């Protein structure tokens, strides 16, 4: 059984996670995700001796690449998104605007109604980082 731990990032926001890696946090943008990853890795290195491996999937590949964490023995990328972030942005925006109530606002808050009925809000910093982020060049 996994132990639940509490960590705080640089913004003093609580990160609730299972040490197995399940993260339950409000996420605002790639930069914040990468900072959160480094907080979690710092805790793991202090608490659990030994080698550290990251298995990153999909957007986690972008986050791990942006974080460029030190002291990690090996990183495995799985399901890497298309590194052409312009194409990714166009696809996300198209997906957002297809749903009733969906709104893309790169300078404000974009609204994405989920199929579950929940509303996902994505701030402008997400779009700004995505616009200049080139994971293959990092």
C-alpha atoms as a PDB file:
ATOM      1  CA  UNK A   1       0.000   0.000   0.000  1.00  0.00           C
ATOM      2  CA  UNK A   2       1.325   3.418  -0.923  1.00  0.00           C
ATOM      3  CA  UNK A   3       1.842   6.158   1.637  1.00  0.00           C
ATOM      4  CA  UNK A   4       0.192   9.517   1.099  1.00  0.00           C
ATOM      5  CA  UNK A   5       2.556  12.441   1.538  1.00  0.00           C
ATOM      6  CA  UNK A   6       2.092  16.195   1.568  1.00  0.00           C
ATOM      7  CA  UNK A   7       4.466  18.528  -0.225  1.00  0.00           C
ATOM      8  CA  UNK A   8       4.325  22.202  -1.078  1.00  0.00           C
ATOM      9  CA  UNK A   9       5.707  23.869  -4.179  1.00  0.00           C
ATOM     10  CA  UNK A  10       7.412  27.293  -4.410  1.00  0.00           C
ATOM     11  CA  UNK A  11       4.004  28.980  -4.519  1.00  0.00           C
ATOM     12  CA  UNK A  12       3.119  27.281  -1.202  1.00  0.00           C
ATOM     13  CA  UNK A  13       0.433  25.246  -2.970  1.00  0.00           C
ATOM     14  CA  UNK A  14      -0.174  21.820  -1.459  1.00  0.00           C
ATOM     15  CA  UNK A  15       0.606  18.795  -3.610  1.00  0.00           C
ATOM     16  CA  UNK A  16      -1.268  15.679  -2.493  1.00  0.00           C
ATOM     17  CA  UNK A  17       0.147  12.544  -4.034  1.00  0.00           C
ATOM     18  CA  UNK A  18       0.667   8.882  -3.545  1.00  0.00           C
ATOM     19  CA  UNK A  19       4.323   7.987  -3.613  1.00  0.00           C
ATOM     20  CA  UNK A  20       3.486   5.673  -6.510  1.00  0.00           C
ATOM     21  CA  UNK A  21       3.032   8.844  -8.512  1.00  0.00           C
ATOM     22  CA  UNK A  22      -0.670   9.636  -8.569  1.00  0.00           C
ATOM     23  CA  UNK A  23      -0.926  13.417  -8.378  1.00  0.00           C
ATOM     24  CA  UNK A  24      -4.034  15.274  -7.301  1.00  0.00           C
ATOM     25  CA  UNK A  25      -3.237  18.968  -7.679  1.00  0.00           C
ATOM     26  CA  UNK A  26      -4.656  21.977  -9.460  1.00  0.00           C
ATOM     27  CA  UNK A  27      -2.324  22.450 -12.389  1.00  0.00           C
ATOM     28  CA  UNK A  28      -1.953  25.785 -14.172  1.00  0.00           C
ATOM     29  CA  UNK A  29       0.814  25.427 -16.738  1.00  0.00           C
ATOM     30  CA  UNK A  30       3.857  23.491 -17.916  1.00  0.00           C
ATOM     31  CA  UNK A  31       6.277  25.647 -15.913  1.00  0.00           C
ATOM     32  CA  UNK A  32       4.374  24.951 -12.689  1.00  0.00           C
ATOM     33  CA  UNK A  33       4.227  21.246 -13.510  1.00  0.00           C
ATOM     34  CA  UNK A  34       7.995  21.154 -13.985  1.00  0.00           C
ATOM     35  CA  UNK A  35       8.545  22.975 -10.677  1.00  0.00           C
ATOM     36  CA  UNK A  36       6.181  20.518  -8.968  1.00  0.00           C
ATOM     37  CA  UNK A  37       8.128  17.607 -10.479  1.00  0.00           C
ATOM     38  CA  UNK A  38      11.356  18.985  -9.025  1.00  0.00           C
ATOM     39  CA  UNK A  39       9.720  19.346  -5.579  1.00  0.00           C
ATOM     40  CA  UNK A  40       8.561  15.721  -5.693  1.00  0.00           C
ATOM     41  CA  UNK A  41      11.984  14.531  -6.893  1.00  0.00           C
ATOM     42  CA  UNK A  42      13.662  16.457  -4.063  1.00  0.00           C
ATOM     43  CA  UNK A  43      11.447  14.686  -1.541  1.00  0.00           C
ATOM     44  CA  UNK A  44      12.058  11.294  -3.104  1.00  0.00           C
ATOM     45  CA  UNK A  45      15.854  11.773  -3.108  1.00  0.00           C
ATOM     46  CA  UNK A  46      15.847  12.801   0.570  1.00  0.00           C
ATOM     47  CA  UNK A  47      13.486  10.042   1.681  1.00  0.00           C
ATOM     48  CA  UNK A  48      14.360   7.034  -0.456  1.00  0.00           C
ATOM     49  CA  UNK A  49      18.023   6.199  -1.058  1.00  0.00           C
ATOM     50  CA  UNK A  50      18.984   4.711  -4.371  1.00  0.00           C
ATOM     51  CA  UNK A  51      18.635   5.370  -8.044  1.00  0.00           C
ATOM     52  CA  UNK A  52      15.841   7.522  -9.459  1.00  0.00           C
ATOM     53  CA  UNK A  53      14.027   6.740 -12.700  1.00  0.00           C
ATOM     54  CA  UNK A  54      11.275   8.706 -14.424  1.00  0.00           C
ATOM     55  CA  UNK A  55       8.783   7.186 -16.818  1.00  0.00           C
ATOM     56  CA  UNK A  56       7.055  10.095 -18.545  1.00  0.00           C
ATOM     57  CA  UNK A  57       4.008   9.676 -20.747  1.00  0.00           C
ATOM     58  CA  UNK A  58       2.360  12.123 -23.154  1.00  0.00           C
ATOM     59  CA  UNK A  59       2.412  15.651 -21.695  1.00  0.00           C
ATOM     60  CA  UNK A  60       4.642  14.308 -18.911  1.00  0.00           C
ATOM     61  CA  UNK A  61       7.375  14.129 -21.572  1.00  0.00           C
ATOM     62  CA  UNK A  62       7.084  17.899 -22.061  1.00  0.00           C
ATOM     63  CA  UNK A  63       7.060  18.490 -18.295  1.00  0.00           C
ATOM     64  CA  UNK A  64      10.113  16.313 -17.668  1.00  0.00           C
ATOM     65  CA  UNK A  65      11.977  17.865 -20.578  1.00  0.00           C
ATOM     66  CA  UNK A  66      11.218  21.367 -19.312  1.00  0.00           C
ATOM     67  CA  UNK A  67      12.227  20.473 -15.741  1.00  0.00           C
ATOM     68  CA  UNK A  68      15.563  18.953 -16.831  1.00  0.00           C
ATOM     69  CA  UNK A  69      15.862  17.343 -13.380  1.00  0.00           C
ATOM     70  CA  UNK A  70      19.313  16.739 -11.881  1.00  0.00           C
ATOM     71  CA  UNK A  71      20.262  13.479 -10.222  1.00  0.00           C
ATOM     72  CA  UNK A  72      17.920  11.276 -12.228  1.00  0.00           C
ATOM     73  CA  UNK A  73      19.541   8.061 -13.403  1.00  0.00           C
ATOM     74  CA  UNK A  74      17.290   7.410 -16.362  1.00  0.00           C
ATOM     75  CA  UNK A  75      14.266   8.945 -18.087  1.00  0.00           C
ATOM     76  CA  UNK A  76      11.976   6.961 -20.376  1.00  0.00           C
ATOM     77  CA  UNK A  77       9.629   8.903 -22.649  1.00  0.00           C
ATOM     78  CA  UNK A  78       6.469   7.107 -23.757  1.00  0.00           C
ATOM     79  CA  UNK A  79       3.868   8.471 -26.142  1.00  0.00           C
ATOM     80  CA  UNK A  80       5.776  11.679 -26.822  1.00  0.00           C
ATOM     81  CA  UNK A  81       3.419  14.324 -28.197  1.00  0.00           C
ATOM     82  CA  UNK A  82       4.221  15.866 -31.525  1.00  0.00           C
ATOM     83  CA  UNK A  83       7.119  18.254 -30.874  1.00  0.00           C
ATOM     84  CA  UNK A  84       5.527  20.763 -33.242  1.00  0.00           C
ATOM     85  CA  UNK A  85       3.742  22.724 -30.517  1.00  0.00           C
ATOM     86  CA  UNK A  86       2.028  24.930 -33.107  1.00  0.00           C
ATOM     87  CA  UNK A  87       0.253  21.826 -34.401  1.00  0.00           C
ATOM     88  CA  UNK A  88      -0.610  20.718 -30.862  1.00  0.00           C
ATOM     89  CA  UNK A  89      -2.051  24.149 -30.079  1.00  0.00           C
ATOM     90  CA  UNK A  90      -4.216  24.094 -33.228  1.00  0.00           C
ATOM     91  CA  UNK A  91      -5.551  20.644 -32.344  1.00  0.00           C
ATOM     92  CA  UNK A  92      -6.323  21.602 -28.726  1.00  0.00           C
ATOM     93  CA  UNK A  93      -8.042  24.827 -29.800  1.00  0.00           C
ATOM     94  CA  UNK A  94     -10.091  22.921 -32.392  1.00  0.00           C
ATOM     95  CA  UNK A  95     -11.127  20.430 -29.732  1.00  0.00           C
ATOM     96  CA  UNK A  96     -12.040  23.229 -27.285  1.00  0.00           C
ATOM     97  CA  UNK A  97     -14.186  25.155 -29.715  1.00  0.00           C
ATOM     98  CA  UNK A  98     -16.147  22.114 -30.942  1.00  0.00           C
ATOM     99  CA  UNK A  99     -17.880  21.712 -27.597  1.00  0.00           C
ATOM    100  CA  UNK A 100     -20.775  23.973 -26.615  1.00  0.00           C
ATOM    101  CA  UNK A 101     -19.506  26.532 -24.110  1.00  0.00           C
ATOM    102  CA  UNK A 102     -15.893  26.005 -25.103  1.00  0.00           C
ATOM    103  CA  UNK A 103     -13.822  29.162 -25.418  1.00  0.00           C
ATOM    104  CA  UNK A 104     -10.191  29.700 -26.399  1.00  0.00           C
ATOM    105  CA  UNK A 105      -8.591  32.835 -24.940  1.00  0.00           C
ATOM    106  CA  UNK A 106      -4.772  32.785 -25.185  1.00  0.00           C
ATOM    107  CA  UNK A 107      -4.508  35.992 -23.109  1.00  0.00           C
ATOM    108  CA  UNK A 108      -7.054  35.067 -20.447  1.00  0.00           C
ATOM    109  CA  UNK A 109      -8.764  31.889 -19.284  1.00  0.00           C
ATOM    110  CA  UNK A 110      -9.723  29.236 -21.828  1.00  0.00           C
ATOM    111  CA  UNK A 111     -12.799  27.157 -21.001  1.00  0.00           C
ATOM    112  CA  UNK A 112     -13.093  23.506 -21.941  1.00  0.00           C
ATOM    113  CA  UNK A 113     -16.303  21.635 -21.044  1.00  0.00           C
ATOM    114  CA  UNK A 114     -15.401  18.001 -20.337  1.00  0.00           C
ATOM    115  CA  UNK A 115     -17.640  15.092 -21.333  1.00  0.00           C
ATOM    116  CA  UNK A 116     -18.206  14.406 -17.611  1.00  0.00           C
ATOM    117  CA  UNK A 117     -19.873  17.815 -17.244  1.00  0.00           C
ATOM    118  CA  UNK A 118     -16.886  19.337 -15.439  1.00  0.00           C
ATOM    119  CA  UNK A 119     -15.360  22.558 -16.731  1.00  0.00           C
ATOM    120  CA  UNK A 120     -11.598  22.728 -17.205  1.00  0.00           C
ATOM    121  CA  UNK A 121     -10.032  26.189 -17.091  1.00  0.00           C
ATOM    122  CA  UNK A 122      -6.603  26.816 -18.574  1.00  0.00           C
ATOM    123  CA  UNK A 123      -4.762  30.070 -17.936  1.00  0.00           C
ATOM    124  CA  UNK A 124      -2.764  32.151 -20.389  1.00  0.00           C
ATOM    125  CA  UNK A 125       0.602  31.010 -19.011  1.00  0.00           C
ATOM    126  CA  UNK A 126      -0.084  27.503 -20.363  1.00  0.00           C
ATOM    127  CA  UNK A 127      -0.471  28.859 -23.897  1.00  0.00           C
ATOM    128  CA  UNK A 128       2.545  31.186 -23.590  1.00  0.00           C
ATOM    129  CA  UNK A 129       4.869  28.372 -22.512  1.00  0.00           C
ATOM    130  CA  UNK A 130       3.467  26.009 -25.150  1.00  0.00           C
ATOM    131  CA  UNK A 131       4.027  28.621 -27.875  1.00  0.00           C
ATOM    132  CA  UNK A 132       7.794  28.884 -27.267  1.00  0.00           C
ATOM    133  CA  UNK A 133       8.458  25.390 -25.942  1.00  0.00           C
ATOM    134  CA  UNK A 134      10.528  23.204 -28.264  1.00  0.00           C
ATOM    135  CA  UNK A 135      11.097  19.902 -26.414  1.00  0.00           C
ATOM    136  CA  UNK A 136      13.374  18.444 -29.076  1.00  0.00           C
ATOM    137  CA  UNK A 137      15.671  21.472 -28.872  1.00  0.00           C
ATOM    138  CA  UNK A 138      15.779  21.549 -25.034  1.00  0.00           C
END
